[in-house]
Structure formats: C-alpha cells, structure tokens
Amino acid sequence: MLRAVPKRWLILVAVMLAFTPIVIDMTILHIAVPSLTQALGATSTEILWIIDIYPLLMAGLLVPMGTLADRVGNRRILLTGLSVFGVASTLAAFAPTPALLIAARVLLALGGAMIMPCV
C-alpha cells in the first residue's frame, strides 16, 4: 500500500496555480469585448484578432514547446512561461492601442504554450 506523501498536495496546488491564469485568460476576454471596443476604438477586424490570436497561436505552439520542455527541462520552461505570461499580462492590461493588445496576446499565447506542457 502506498503512503500519502504530503508533498504531492503541494505539487498539485502549484500546478493548479500555474494553470489558473491560462484558463482565466481564455474566458475573461469575451466578457470584456464591449468595453475594450469602446476604450481602444478597435475595429471589428482588430477585435477578431484580439480574440482569436491567443488560441490560434497556443494551439500551434503546444507541440514545439512540449518538445523544448523535454530537451531543456520542464521546470525551466514552466518558470520561463510564467514569467513571459506575467509580463504579457501587464502589457495587455495597459495596452493603449489595439495593435499593442494583439502583440501582448501573442506573448500571452507564447507563455501559455510554455506552461501547458509542463503542467
């Protein structure tokens, strides 16, 4: 019979905390679209790019980032991904133009794609 190791619970909590911002970012933008459109003066094409660039890039980068994590190390890629995601979140929060918001969402997708294979 296996004994319960308390460290397993800490690892589970760490993994859940690393994954939470990605899930929140996937859903929160849909709620904020009307106010973003007004605040940034974004066109309908820019709004489509703002919404769609994140899942599009993340889906395309998952396999390469998983391979990179296998070669470099899961911990290093996870920490780098969390750093990229944090910086990109700050850029996205204070983006004054739709183009900068799209660029920040590209970085969010990169950071998210680095986090997902490690979680």
C-alpha atoms as a PDB file:
ATOM      1  CA  MET A   1       0.000   0.000   0.000  1.00  0.00           C
ATOM      2  CA  LEU A   2       1.261   3.460  -0.883  1.00  0.00           C
ATOM      3  CA  ARG A   3       1.638   6.046   1.806  1.00  0.00           C
ATOM      4  CA  ALA A   4       0.271   9.512   1.113  1.00  0.00           C
ATOM      5  CA  VAL A   5       3.106  11.949   0.680  1.00  0.00           C
ATOM      6  CA  PRO A   6       2.219  15.496   1.821  1.00  0.00           C
ATOM      7  CA  LYS A   7       4.483  16.896  -0.902  1.00  0.00           C
ATOM      8  CA  ARG A   8       2.082  15.580  -3.557  1.00  0.00           C
ATOM      9  CA  TRP A   9      -0.567  18.007  -2.391  1.00  0.00           C
ATOM     10  CA  LEU A  10       1.847  20.920  -2.637  1.00  0.00           C
ATOM     11  CA  ILE A  11       2.750  19.889  -6.167  1.00  0.00           C
ATOM     12  CA  LEU A  12      -0.943  19.669  -7.082  1.00  0.00           C
ATOM     13  CA  VAL A  13      -1.562  23.161  -5.688  1.00  0.00           C
ATOM     14  CA  ALA A  14       1.450  24.550  -7.587  1.00  0.00           C
ATOM     15  CA  VAL A  15       0.248  23.001 -10.841  1.00  0.00           C
ATOM     16  CA  MET A  16      -3.281  24.320 -10.328  1.00  0.00           C
ATOM     17  CA  LEU A  17      -1.962  27.820  -9.602  1.00  0.00           C
ATOM     18  CA  ALA A  18       0.190  27.746 -12.734  1.00  0.00           C
ATOM     19  CA  PHE A  19      -2.741  26.647 -14.889  1.00  0.00           C
ATOM     20  CA  THR A  20      -5.363  29.048 -13.471  1.00  0.00           C
ATOM     21  CA  PRO A  21      -4.229  32.247 -15.288  1.00  0.00           C
ATOM     22  CA  ILE A  22      -4.326  30.446 -18.640  1.00  0.00           C
ATOM     23  CA  VAL A  23      -7.911  29.318 -18.126  1.00  0.00           C
ATOM     24  CA  ILE A  24      -8.963  32.738 -16.882  1.00  0.00           C
ATOM     25  CA  ASP A  25      -7.336  34.448 -19.869  1.00  0.00           C
ATOM     26  CA  MET A  26      -9.176  32.140 -22.271  1.00  0.00           C
ATOM     27  CA  THR A  27     -12.557  33.212 -20.906  1.00  0.00           C
ATOM     28  CA  ILE A  28     -12.293  36.740 -19.494  1.00  0.00           C
ATOM     29  CA  LEU A  29     -11.707  38.486 -22.792  1.00  0.00           C
ATOM     30  CA  HIS A  30     -15.154  37.550 -24.084  1.00  0.00           C
ATOM     31  CA  ILE A  31     -16.701  39.436 -21.183  1.00  0.00           C
ATOM     32  CA  ALA A  32     -14.503  42.493 -21.756  1.00  0.00           C
ATOM     33  CA  VAL A  33     -15.002  42.824 -25.547  1.00  0.00           C
ATOM     34  CA  PRO A  34     -17.677  45.559 -25.431  1.00  0.00           C
ATOM     35  CA  SER A  35     -15.702  47.791 -23.092  1.00  0.00           C
ATOM     36  CA  LEU A  36     -12.456  47.069 -24.979  1.00  0.00           C
ATOM     37  CA  THR A  37     -14.063  48.085 -28.252  1.00  0.00           C
ATOM     38  CA  GLN A  38     -15.096  51.410 -26.776  1.00  0.00           C
ATOM     39  CA  ALA A  39     -11.923  52.114 -24.810  1.00  0.00           C
ATOM     40  CA  LEU A  40      -9.494  51.278 -27.613  1.00  0.00           C
ATOM     41  CA  GLY A  41     -11.646  52.317 -30.542  1.00  0.00           C
ATOM     42  CA  ALA A  42     -10.947  48.949 -32.143  1.00  0.00           C
ATOM     43  CA  THR A  43     -12.429  47.943 -35.471  1.00  0.00           C
ATOM     44  CA  SER A  44     -14.242  44.652 -35.891  1.00  0.00           C
ATOM     45  CA  THR A  45     -11.193  43.127 -37.593  1.00  0.00           C
ATOM     46  CA  GLU A  46      -8.949  44.175 -34.701  1.00  0.00           C
ATOM     47  CA  ILE A  47     -11.408  42.699 -32.200  1.00  0.00           C
ATOM     48  CA  LEU A  48     -11.344  39.396 -34.114  1.00  0.00           C
ATOM     49  CA  TRP A  49      -7.537  39.374 -33.981  1.00  0.00           C
ATOM     50  CA  ILE A  50      -7.552  40.239 -30.280  1.00  0.00           C
ATOM     51  CA  ILE A  51      -9.856  37.313 -29.540  1.00  0.00           C
ATOM     52  CA  ASP A  52      -8.527  34.710 -31.974  1.00  0.00           C
ATOM     53  CA  ILE A  53      -4.746  35.185 -31.839  1.00  0.00           C
ATOM     54  CA  TYR A  54      -4.419  33.620 -28.379  1.00  0.00           C
ATOM     55  CA  PRO A  55      -5.985  30.184 -29.004  1.00  0.00           C
ATOM     56  CA  LEU A  56      -4.623  30.046 -32.558  1.00  0.00           C
ATOM     57  CA  LEU A  57      -1.002  30.553 -31.519  1.00  0.00           C
ATOM     58  CA  MET A  58      -1.280  28.490 -28.359  1.00  0.00           C
ATOM     59  CA  ALA A  59      -2.587  25.504 -30.301  1.00  0.00           C
ATOM     60  CA  GLY A  60       0.226  25.817 -32.805  1.00  0.00           C
ATOM     61  CA  LEU A  61       2.939  26.188 -30.177  1.00  0.00           C
ATOM     62  CA  LEU A  62       1.930  23.400 -27.775  1.00  0.00           C
ATOM     63  CA  VAL A  63       3.835  20.597 -29.513  1.00  0.00           C
ATOM     64  CA  PRO A  64       7.050  22.596 -30.113  1.00  0.00           C
ATOM     65  CA  MET A  65       7.036  23.853 -26.526  1.00  0.00           C
ATOM     66  CA  GLY A  66       6.481  20.320 -25.240  1.00  0.00           C
ATOM     67  CA  THR A  67       9.485  19.157 -27.242  1.00  0.00           C
ATOM     68  CA  LEU A  68      11.516  22.099 -25.955  1.00  0.00           C
ATOM     69  CA  ALA A  69      10.495  21.281 -22.380  1.00  0.00           C
ATOM     70  CA  ASP A  70      11.677  17.693 -22.896  1.00  0.00           C
ATOM     71  CA  ARG A  71      15.067  18.924 -24.062  1.00  0.00           C
ATOM     72  CA  VAL A  72      15.645  21.883 -21.763  1.00  0.00           C
ATOM     73  CA  GLY A  73      13.699  20.770 -18.699  1.00  0.00           C
ATOM     74  CA  ASN A  74      10.115  21.136 -17.550  1.00  0.00           C
ATOM     75  CA  ARG A  75      10.910  23.347 -14.592  1.00  0.00           C
ATOM     76  CA  ARG A  76      12.936  25.856 -16.625  1.00  0.00           C
ATOM     77  CA  ILE A  77      10.275  26.114 -19.342  1.00  0.00           C
ATOM     78  CA  LEU A  78       7.482  26.376 -16.758  1.00  0.00           C
ATOM     79  CA  LEU A  79       9.205  29.231 -14.925  1.00  0.00           C
ATOM     80  CA  THR A  80      10.071  30.988 -18.176  1.00  0.00           C
ATOM     81  CA  GLY A  81       6.487  30.587 -19.379  1.00  0.00           C
ATOM     82  CA  LEU A  82       5.116  32.014 -16.131  1.00  0.00           C
ATOM     83  CA  SER A  83       7.468  34.994 -16.449  1.00  0.00           C
ATOM     84  CA  VAL A  84       6.502  35.634 -20.077  1.00  0.00           C
ATOM     85  CA  PHE A  85       2.827  35.260 -19.188  1.00  0.00           C
ATOM     86  CA  GLY A  86       3.147  37.714 -16.287  1.00  0.00           C
ATOM     87  CA  VAL A  87       4.915  40.376 -18.363  1.00  0.00           C
ATOM     88  CA  ALA A  88       2.453  39.910 -21.226  1.00  0.00           C
ATOM     89  CA  SER A  89      -0.497  40.215 -18.838  1.00  0.00           C
ATOM     90  CA  THR A  90       0.844  43.540 -17.614  1.00  0.00           C
ATOM     91  CA  LEU A  91       1.328  44.750 -21.188  1.00  0.00           C
ATOM     92  CA  ALA A  92      -2.191  43.636 -22.117  1.00  0.00           C
ATOM     93  CA  ALA A  93      -3.712  45.347 -19.091  1.00  0.00           C
ATOM     94  CA  PHE A  94      -2.187  48.699 -20.000  1.00  0.00           C
ATOM     95  CA  ALA A  95      -2.301  48.465 -23.812  1.00  0.00           C
ATOM     96  CA  PRO A  96      -3.324  51.858 -25.221  1.00  0.00           C
ATOM     97  CA  THR A  97      -3.904  50.616 -28.788  1.00  0.00           C
ATOM     98  CA  PRO A  98      -5.434  47.516 -30.374  1.00  0.00           C
ATOM     99  CA  ALA A  99      -2.108  46.661 -32.051  1.00  0.00           C
ATOM    100  CA  LEU A 100      -0.291  46.596 -28.713  1.00  0.00           C
ATOM    101  CA  LEU A 101      -3.053  44.455 -27.217  1.00  0.00           C
ATOM    102  CA  ILE A 102      -2.732  41.989 -30.102  1.00  0.00           C
ATOM    103  CA  ALA A 103       1.047  41.869 -29.575  1.00  0.00           C
ATOM    104  CA  ALA A 104       0.551  41.301 -25.842  1.00  0.00           C
ATOM    105  CA  ARG A 105      -1.879  38.460 -26.589  1.00  0.00           C
ATOM    106  CA  VAL A 106       0.765  36.901 -28.852  1.00  0.00           C
ATOM    107  CA  LEU A 107       3.150  36.926 -25.873  1.00  0.00           C
ATOM    108  CA  LEU A 108       0.373  35.536 -23.657  1.00  0.00           C
ATOM    109  CA  ALA A 109      -0.047  32.643 -26.086  1.00  0.00           C
ATOM    110  CA  LEU A 110       3.704  32.019 -26.078  1.00  0.00           C
ATOM    111  CA  GLY A 111       3.803  31.982 -22.271  1.00  0.00           C
ATOM    112  CA  GLY A 112       0.684  29.823 -22.077  1.00  0.00           C
ATOM    113  CA  ALA A 113       2.106  27.354 -24.577  1.00  0.00           C
ATOM    114  CA  MET A 114       5.239  27.099 -22.442  1.00  0.00           C
ATOM    115  CA  ILE A 115       3.206  26.447 -19.300  1.00  0.00           C
ATOM    116  CA  MET A 116       0.694  23.909 -20.657  1.00  0.00           C
ATOM    117  CA  PRO A 117       3.047  21.009 -21.500  1.00  0.00           C
ATOM    118  CA  CYS A 118       4.747  21.305 -18.106  1.00  0.00           C
ATOM    119  CA  VAL A 119       1.511  21.194 -16.133  1.00  0.00           C
END
